[in-house]
């Protein structure tokens, strides 16, 4: 089964050697998305709500590159650094998935790749490929 790699044309995405999404058949896997804007600036320093909203916006953009949408996501895994702010993350997750929420796991971690980042989320989506 052919594999397709996707990298957005964001200056921040050019600095890391990873695919932001990988599509294999009908499945799309995103790399963990954090609260960086397209230029690599942290959005919402110290604010779990703002960072979570940016994370889900990044997931939305990366999925679109692979021909999928948030409605196609069936599983997410979140890593958060402060469980006392879980309600803020959860509210942003509900906004991101207003229809059918995906299966979700949340893991507490002491720190992410940058200590100012509070949340990272990876997603798996099912989007059947179009057959001509």
Protein backbone atom coordinates (compact mmCIF):
# COMPACT_ATOMS: atom_id res chain seq x y z
CA UNK A 1 0.00 0.00 0.00
CA UNK A 2 1.57 3.33 -1.01
CA UNK A 3 2.48 5.82 1.66
CA UNK A 4 1.99 9.57 1.22
CA UNK A 5 3.79 12.09 3.42
CA UNK A 6 2.45 15.60 3.96
CA UNK A 7 4.28 18.71 5.14
CA UNK A 8 2.55 22.09 5.22
CA UNK A 9 4.35 25.01 3.67
CA UNK A 10 4.90 26.61 7.08
CA UNK A 11 8.32 28.05 7.91
CA UNK A 12 8.10 26.21 11.23
CA UNK A 13 7.44 22.87 9.49
CA UNK A 14 10.54 23.26 7.34
CA UNK A 15 12.76 23.32 10.44
CA UNK A 16 11.92 19.78 11.54
CA UNK A 17 12.51 16.65 9.51
CA UNK A 18 9.18 14.90 10.04
CA UNK A 19 6.00 14.44 8.10
CA UNK A 20 3.17 16.36 9.71
CA UNK A 21 0.79 13.71 8.39
CA UNK A 22 1.16 10.32 6.76
CA UNK A 23 -1.58 8.69 4.74
CA UNK A 24 -1.61 4.94 4.21
CA UNK A 25 -4.69 3.81 2.32
CA UNK A 26 -7.77 5.15 4.06
CA UNK A 27 -5.97 6.15 7.28
CA UNK A 28 -4.30 9.48 8.04
CA UNK A 29 -1.95 9.77 11.01
CA UNK A 30 -0.86 13.20 12.22
CA UNK A 31 2.34 13.91 14.06
CA UNK A 32 1.86 15.45 17.47
CA UNK A 33 0.72 19.02 16.98
CA UNK A 34 1.63 21.75 19.44
CA UNK A 35 0.71 25.41 19.85
CA UNK A 36 3.09 26.84 17.26
CA UNK A 37 1.70 29.17 14.64
CA UNK A 38 2.85 28.84 11.03
CA UNK A 39 6.00 30.86 11.77
CA UNK A 40 6.96 28.77 14.79
CA UNK A 41 5.82 31.19 17.49
CA UNK A 42 4.09 29.80 20.56
CA UNK A 43 0.44 30.84 20.72
CA UNK A 44 -1.00 31.39 24.20
CA UNK A 45 2.01 31.24 26.49
CA UNK A 46 0.80 29.90 29.84
CA UNK A 47 -2.79 29.55 28.55
CA UNK A 48 -4.05 25.97 28.13
CA UNK A 49 -7.23 27.09 26.34
CA UNK A 50 -5.41 29.18 23.74
CA UNK A 51 -2.75 26.54 23.18
CA UNK A 52 -5.35 23.78 22.82
CA UNK A 53 -7.31 25.79 20.25
CA UNK A 54 -4.10 26.36 18.25
CA UNK A 55 -3.25 22.65 18.44
CA UNK A 56 -6.65 21.69 17.02
CA UNK A 57 -6.36 24.36 14.31
CA UNK A 58 -3.00 22.86 13.32
CA UNK A 59 -4.51 19.37 13.22
CA UNK A 60 -7.32 20.69 11.02
CA UNK A 61 -4.82 22.23 8.60
CA UNK A 62 -2.59 19.15 8.44
CA UNK A 63 -5.55 16.82 7.88
CA UNK A 64 -6.76 19.02 5.03
CA UNK A 65 -3.43 18.50 3.25
CA UNK A 66 -4.10 14.76 3.34
CA UNK A 67 -7.71 15.15 2.12
CA UNK A 68 -9.32 14.60 5.53
CA UNK A 69 -11.22 16.72 8.04
CA UNK A 70 -11.89 16.84 11.76
CA UNK A 71 -15.10 14.87 11.13
CA UNK A 72 -12.91 11.99 9.89
CA UNK A 73 -10.91 11.78 13.13
CA UNK A 74 -11.76 8.70 15.16
CA UNK A 75 -8.91 8.69 17.74
CA UNK A 76 -6.76 11.32 19.42
CA UNK A 77 -4.06 11.10 22.04
CA UNK A 78 -3.19 14.20 24.06
CA UNK A 79 -0.18 14.88 26.21
CA UNK A 80 -0.62 17.69 28.73
CA UNK A 81 1.83 19.08 31.25
CA UNK A 82 -0.64 20.28 33.89
CA UNK A 83 -3.63 18.09 34.69
CA UNK A 84 -5.13 20.88 36.81
CA UNK A 85 -5.85 22.61 33.45
CA UNK A 86 -7.50 19.55 31.90
CA UNK A 87 -10.93 21.26 31.83
CA UNK A 88 -9.50 24.00 29.57
CA UNK A 89 -8.10 21.39 27.19
CA UNK A 90 -11.36 19.42 27.30
CA UNK A 91 -13.42 22.50 26.39
CA UNK A 92 -11.20 23.20 23.36
CA UNK A 93 -11.50 19.54 22.33
CA UNK A 94 -15.30 19.82 22.49
CA UNK A 95 -15.17 22.93 20.28
CA UNK A 96 -12.91 21.12 17.79
CA UNK A 97 -15.26 18.12 17.57
CA UNK A 98 -18.80 19.52 17.89
CA UNK A 99 -20.43 16.53 16.14
CA UNK A 100 -19.18 13.02 16.84
CA UNK A 101 -16.27 13.21 19.28
CA UNK A 102 -13.41 10.78 18.65
CA UNK A 103 -12.08 8.22 21.07
CA UNK A 104 -9.60 10.10 23.24
CA UNK A 105 -6.77 9.38 25.63
CA UNK A 106 -4.97 11.98 27.71
CA UNK A 107 -1.53 11.42 29.20
CA UNK A 108 0.13 13.59 31.80
CA UNK A 109 3.74 14.42 30.98
CA UNK A 110 6.20 16.58 32.90
CA UNK A 111 7.29 18.48 29.80
CA UNK A 112 7.06 18.67 26.02
CA UNK A 113 9.74 19.49 23.44
CA UNK A 114 9.64 23.15 24.53
CA UNK A 115 8.95 23.82 28.25
CA UNK A 116 6.51 26.62 27.34
CA UNK A 117 4.25 24.19 25.48
CA UNK A 118 1.38 22.84 27.58
CA UNK A 119 -0.35 20.40 25.22
CA UNK A 120 0.40 18.15 22.25
CA UNK A 121 -2.18 16.11 20.35
CA UNK A 122 -1.88 13.46 17.66
CA UNK A 123 -4.83 12.25 15.61
CA UNK A 124 -5.84 9.32 13.46
CA UNK A 125 -8.48 9.83 10.78
CA UNK A 126 -10.32 7.48 8.44
CA UNK A 127 -11.01 8.97 5.02
CA UNK A 128 -11.62 6.55 2.16
CA UNK A 129 -9.55 7.27 -0.91
CA UNK A 130 -11.44 8.13 -4.06
CA UNK A 131 -11.25 5.42 -6.67
CA UNK A 132 -11.61 6.56 -10.28
